[in-house]
Amino acid sequence: MKPGIHPAYGPVVFRDKAADFAFLTRSTMTSDRTVTWEHGNTYPVVDVEISSASHPFYTGTARVMDTAGRVERFERRYGRGEAR
């Protein structure tokens, strides 16, 4: 890698306020805000809208779409397509 052209890569806390969940990882993202982590060190914090703690797929609250019902509803609304 060329020296001096890559962003700094270091520890960052990503925080999902909706789920009251945070995790410490390494990233090139930066922030002016900081947070004191569990062991007393201070790290930059990045607030995220959604994480594995609040995403419906990971929490088990995802709805399964009824594709057959959607096709039937489309056919009722617009009729069955005629072959031309």
N, C-alpha and C. Protein backbone atom coordinates (compact mmCIF):
# COMPACT_ATOMS: atom_id res chain seq x y z
N MET A 1 0.84 -1.18 0.00
CA MET A 1 0.00 0.00 0.00
C MET A 1 0.89 1.24 0.00
N LYS A 2 0.42 2.28 -0.68
CA LYS A 2 1.16 3.54 -0.69
C LYS A 2 1.00 4.23 0.66
N PRO A 3 2.07 4.71 1.22
CA PRO A 3 1.95 5.42 2.50
C PRO A 3 1.34 6.81 2.30
N GLY A 4 0.54 7.23 3.29
CA GLY A 4 0.00 8.58 3.31
C GLY A 4 -1.29 8.81 2.53
N ILE A 5 -1.84 7.81 1.86
CA ILE A 5 -3.07 8.03 1.09
C ILE A 5 -4.28 7.33 1.70
N HIS A 6 -4.08 6.50 2.71
CA HIS A 6 -5.18 5.74 3.30
C HIS A 6 -5.65 6.40 4.59
N PRO A 7 -6.95 6.36 4.87
CA PRO A 7 -7.46 6.93 6.11
C PRO A 7 -7.00 6.11 7.32
N ALA A 8 -7.01 6.76 8.47
CA ALA A 8 -6.61 6.08 9.71
C ALA A 8 -7.63 4.98 10.03
N TYR A 9 -7.11 3.84 10.47
CA TYR A 9 -7.94 2.68 10.79
C TYR A 9 -7.76 2.40 12.27
N GLY A 10 -8.82 2.60 13.05
CA GLY A 10 -8.69 2.41 14.49
C GLY A 10 -10.00 2.04 15.15
N PRO A 11 -9.98 1.90 16.46
CA PRO A 11 -11.18 1.49 17.19
C PRO A 11 -12.27 2.58 17.17
N VAL A 12 -13.50 2.15 16.96
CA VAL A 12 -14.67 3.03 16.91
C VAL A 12 -15.83 2.29 17.56
N VAL A 13 -16.67 3.01 18.29
CA VAL A 13 -17.88 2.43 18.87
C VAL A 13 -19.05 2.80 17.97
N PHE A 14 -19.80 1.80 17.52
CA PHE A 14 -21.03 2.01 16.77
C PHE A 14 -22.18 1.81 17.75
N ARG A 15 -23.10 2.80 17.79
CA ARG A 15 -24.17 2.78 18.80
C ARG A 15 -25.52 2.88 18.11
N ASP A 16 -26.42 1.95 18.43
CA ASP A 16 -27.80 1.96 17.97
C ASP A 16 -28.64 2.42 19.15
N LYS A 17 -29.04 3.68 19.15
CA LYS A 17 -29.78 4.23 20.28
C LYS A 17 -31.18 3.63 20.40
N ALA A 18 -31.79 3.24 19.28
CA ALA A 18 -33.13 2.68 19.32
C ALA A 18 -33.17 1.38 20.11
N ALA A 19 -32.11 0.59 20.00
CA ALA A 19 -32.07 -0.71 20.68
C ALA A 19 -31.20 -0.67 21.93
N ASP A 20 -30.64 0.49 22.25
CA ASP A 20 -29.74 0.62 23.39
C ASP A 20 -28.63 -0.44 23.30
N PHE A 21 -27.95 -0.44 22.16
CA PHE A 21 -26.94 -1.44 21.86
C PHE A 21 -25.72 -0.74 21.25
N ALA A 22 -24.54 -1.14 21.67
CA ALA A 22 -23.31 -0.58 21.12
C ALA A 22 -22.27 -1.68 21.02
N PHE A 23 -21.37 -1.53 20.06
CA PHE A 23 -20.28 -2.49 19.94
C PHE A 23 -19.01 -1.77 19.49
N LEU A 24 -17.91 -2.28 19.96
CA LEU A 24 -16.60 -1.73 19.66
C LEU A 24 -15.96 -2.54 18.56
N THR A 25 -15.50 -1.86 17.53
CA THR A 25 -14.85 -2.53 16.40
C THR A 25 -13.82 -1.58 15.83
N ARG A 26 -13.20 -1.98 14.74
CA ARG A 26 -12.23 -1.11 14.08
C ARG A 26 -12.83 -0.63 12.76
N SER A 27 -12.58 0.63 12.42
CA SER A 27 -13.15 1.21 11.22
C SER A 27 -12.33 2.43 10.81
N THR A 28 -12.57 2.89 9.59
CA THR A 28 -11.96 4.14 9.12
C THR A 28 -12.88 5.32 9.39
N MET A 29 -14.10 5.07 9.87
CA MET A 29 -15.03 6.16 10.18
C MET A 29 -14.52 6.93 11.40
N THR A 30 -14.82 8.22 11.40
CA THR A 30 -14.42 9.05 12.53
C THR A 30 -15.62 9.85 13.00
N SER A 31 -15.49 10.44 14.18
CA SER A 31 -16.56 11.24 14.75
C SER A 31 -15.95 12.22 15.74
N ASP A 32 -16.61 13.36 15.89
CA ASP A 32 -16.17 14.35 16.88
C ASP A 32 -16.64 13.96 18.28
N ARG A 33 -17.69 13.17 18.35
CA ARG A 33 -18.22 12.74 19.64
C ARG A 33 -17.47 11.52 20.14
N THR A 34 -17.35 11.40 21.44
CA THR A 34 -16.65 10.26 22.03
C THR A 34 -17.52 9.63 23.12
N VAL A 35 -17.15 8.42 23.49
CA VAL A 35 -17.84 7.70 24.55
C VAL A 35 -16.79 6.92 25.33
N THR A 36 -17.02 6.79 26.61
CA THR A 36 -16.15 5.98 27.45
C THR A 36 -16.66 4.55 27.44
N TRP A 37 -15.82 3.63 27.02
CA TRP A 37 -16.22 2.24 26.89
C TRP A 37 -16.14 1.54 28.23
N GLU A 38 -16.58 0.30 28.31
CA GLU A 38 -16.70 -0.47 29.55
C GLU A 38 -15.40 -0.56 30.34
N HIS A 39 -14.26 -0.62 29.68
CA HIS A 39 -13.00 -0.77 30.38
C HIS A 39 -12.32 0.58 30.66
N GLY A 40 -13.01 1.69 30.40
CA GLY A 40 -12.52 3.01 30.78
C GLY A 40 -11.85 3.80 29.68
N ASN A 41 -11.54 3.22 28.54
CA ASN A 41 -10.93 3.96 27.44
C ASN A 41 -11.99 4.76 26.69
N THR A 42 -11.57 5.86 26.08
CA THR A 42 -12.47 6.72 25.33
C THR A 42 -12.26 6.49 23.83
N TYR A 43 -13.38 6.32 23.11
CA TYR A 43 -13.34 6.06 21.69
C TYR A 43 -14.32 6.97 20.97
N PRO A 44 -14.09 7.25 19.67
CA PRO A 44 -15.10 7.98 18.89
C PRO A 44 -16.34 7.11 18.76
N VAL A 45 -17.51 7.75 18.75
CA VAL A 45 -18.78 7.02 18.65
C VAL A 45 -19.52 7.47 17.40
N VAL A 46 -20.07 6.49 16.66
CA VAL A 46 -20.87 6.74 15.46
C VAL A 46 -22.25 6.18 15.73
N ASP A 47 -23.28 7.05 15.67
CA ASP A 47 -24.65 6.60 15.87
C ASP A 47 -25.21 6.07 14.55
N VAL A 48 -25.83 4.89 14.61
CA VAL A 48 -26.41 4.27 13.42
C VAL A 48 -27.92 4.14 13.59
N GLU A 49 -28.62 4.13 12.48
CA GLU A 49 -30.08 4.03 12.51
C GLU A 49 -30.56 2.63 12.87
N ILE A 50 -29.84 1.63 12.40
CA ILE A 50 -30.29 0.26 12.58
C ILE A 50 -29.07 -0.65 12.72
N SER A 51 -29.21 -1.66 13.53
CA SER A 51 -28.12 -2.63 13.72
C SER A 51 -28.75 -4.01 13.85
N SER A 52 -27.93 -5.00 14.12
CA SER A 52 -28.46 -6.36 14.28
C SER A 52 -29.38 -6.46 15.48
N ALA A 53 -29.27 -5.54 16.43
CA ALA A 53 -30.14 -5.57 17.61
C ALA A 53 -31.52 -5.00 17.33
N SER A 54 -31.68 -4.22 16.26
CA SER A 54 -32.98 -3.62 15.98
C SER A 54 -33.55 -3.98 14.61
N HIS A 55 -32.79 -4.66 13.76
CA HIS A 55 -33.28 -5.02 12.43
C HIS A 55 -34.26 -6.18 12.53
N PRO A 56 -35.43 -6.07 11.88
CA PRO A 56 -36.44 -7.13 11.99
C PRO A 56 -35.96 -8.52 11.58
N PHE A 57 -35.06 -8.61 10.63
CA PHE A 57 -34.57 -9.92 10.21
C PHE A 57 -33.84 -10.62 11.34
N TYR A 58 -33.02 -9.90 12.07
CA TYR A 58 -32.22 -10.50 13.14
C TYR A 58 -33.01 -10.65 14.44
N THR A 59 -34.03 -9.82 14.65
CA THR A 59 -34.80 -9.91 15.89
C THR A 59 -35.94 -10.91 15.81
N GLY A 60 -36.24 -11.41 14.61
CA GLY A 60 -37.31 -12.39 14.46
C GLY A 60 -38.68 -11.78 14.29
N THR A 61 -38.77 -10.48 14.09
CA THR A 61 -40.07 -9.83 13.91
C THR A 61 -40.35 -9.53 12.44
N ALA A 62 -39.59 -10.12 11.54
CA ALA A 62 -39.79 -9.88 10.11
C ALA A 62 -41.09 -10.51 9.66
N ARG A 63 -41.78 -9.82 8.77
CA ARG A 63 -43.01 -10.35 8.21
C ARG A 63 -42.69 -11.10 6.93
N VAL A 64 -43.33 -12.21 6.74
CA VAL A 64 -43.15 -12.98 5.52
C VAL A 64 -44.21 -12.52 4.53
N MET A 65 -43.76 -12.13 3.35
CA MET A 65 -44.70 -11.65 2.33
C MET A 65 -45.34 -12.86 1.64
N ASP A 66 -46.62 -12.77 1.45
CA ASP A 66 -47.37 -13.82 0.77
C ASP A 66 -47.36 -13.53 -0.72
N THR A 67 -46.39 -14.07 -1.44
CA THR A 67 -46.26 -13.76 -2.86
C THR A 67 -47.43 -14.30 -3.67
N ALA A 68 -47.94 -15.45 -3.32
CA ALA A 68 -49.09 -15.99 -4.05
C ALA A 68 -50.29 -15.07 -3.88
N GLY A 69 -50.50 -14.57 -2.70
CA GLY A 69 -51.61 -13.64 -2.45
C GLY A 69 -51.44 -12.34 -3.20
N ARG A 70 -50.23 -11.89 -3.36
CA ARG A 70 -49.97 -10.65 -4.08
C ARG A 70 -50.25 -10.83 -5.57
N VAL A 71 -49.88 -12.00 -6.12
CA VAL A 71 -50.16 -12.27 -7.53
C VAL A 71 -51.66 -12.34 -7.75
N GLU A 72 -52.36 -13.03 -6.88
CA GLU A 72 -53.82 -13.14 -7.01
C GLU A 72 -54.48 -11.77 -6.90
N ARG A 73 -54.01 -10.94 -6.00
CA ARG A 73 -54.57 -9.60 -5.85
C ARG A 73 -54.31 -8.77 -7.11
N PHE A 74 -53.12 -8.91 -7.70
CA PHE A 74 -52.82 -8.21 -8.95
C PHE A 74 -53.74 -8.66 -10.06
N GLU A 75 -53.95 -9.98 -10.18
CA GLU A 75 -54.82 -10.50 -11.23
C GLU A 75 -56.27 -10.06 -11.03
N ARG A 76 -56.73 -10.00 -9.79
CA ARG A 76 -58.08 -9.51 -9.53
C ARG A 76 -58.21 -8.04 -9.92
N ARG A 77 -57.21 -7.28 -9.61
CA ARG A 77 -57.27 -5.84 -9.85
C ARG A 77 -57.16 -5.52 -11.35
N TYR A 78 -56.25 -6.15 -12.05
CA TYR A 78 -55.98 -5.80 -13.44
C TYR A 78 -56.41 -6.87 -14.43
N GLY A 79 -56.91 -7.96 -13.95
CA GLY A 79 -57.34 -9.03 -14.85
C GLY A 79 -56.18 -9.83 -15.36
N ARG A 80 -56.49 -11.00 -15.84
CA ARG A 80 -55.44 -11.87 -16.37
C ARG A 80 -55.01 -11.33 -17.74
N GLY A 81 -53.70 -11.29 -17.98
CA GLY A 81 -53.19 -10.77 -19.24
C GLY A 81 -53.60 -11.65 -20.41
N GLU A 82 -54.07 -11.04 -21.49
CA GLU A 82 -54.45 -11.77 -22.70
C GLU A 82 -53.22 -11.95 -23.58
N ALA A 83 -53.07 -13.10 -24.21
CA ALA A 83 -51.98 -13.34 -25.13
C ALA A 83 -52.25 -12.57 -26.42
N ARG A 84 -51.30 -11.86 -26.92
CA ARG A 84 -51.49 -11.03 -28.12
C ARG A 84 -50.83 -11.61 -29.30
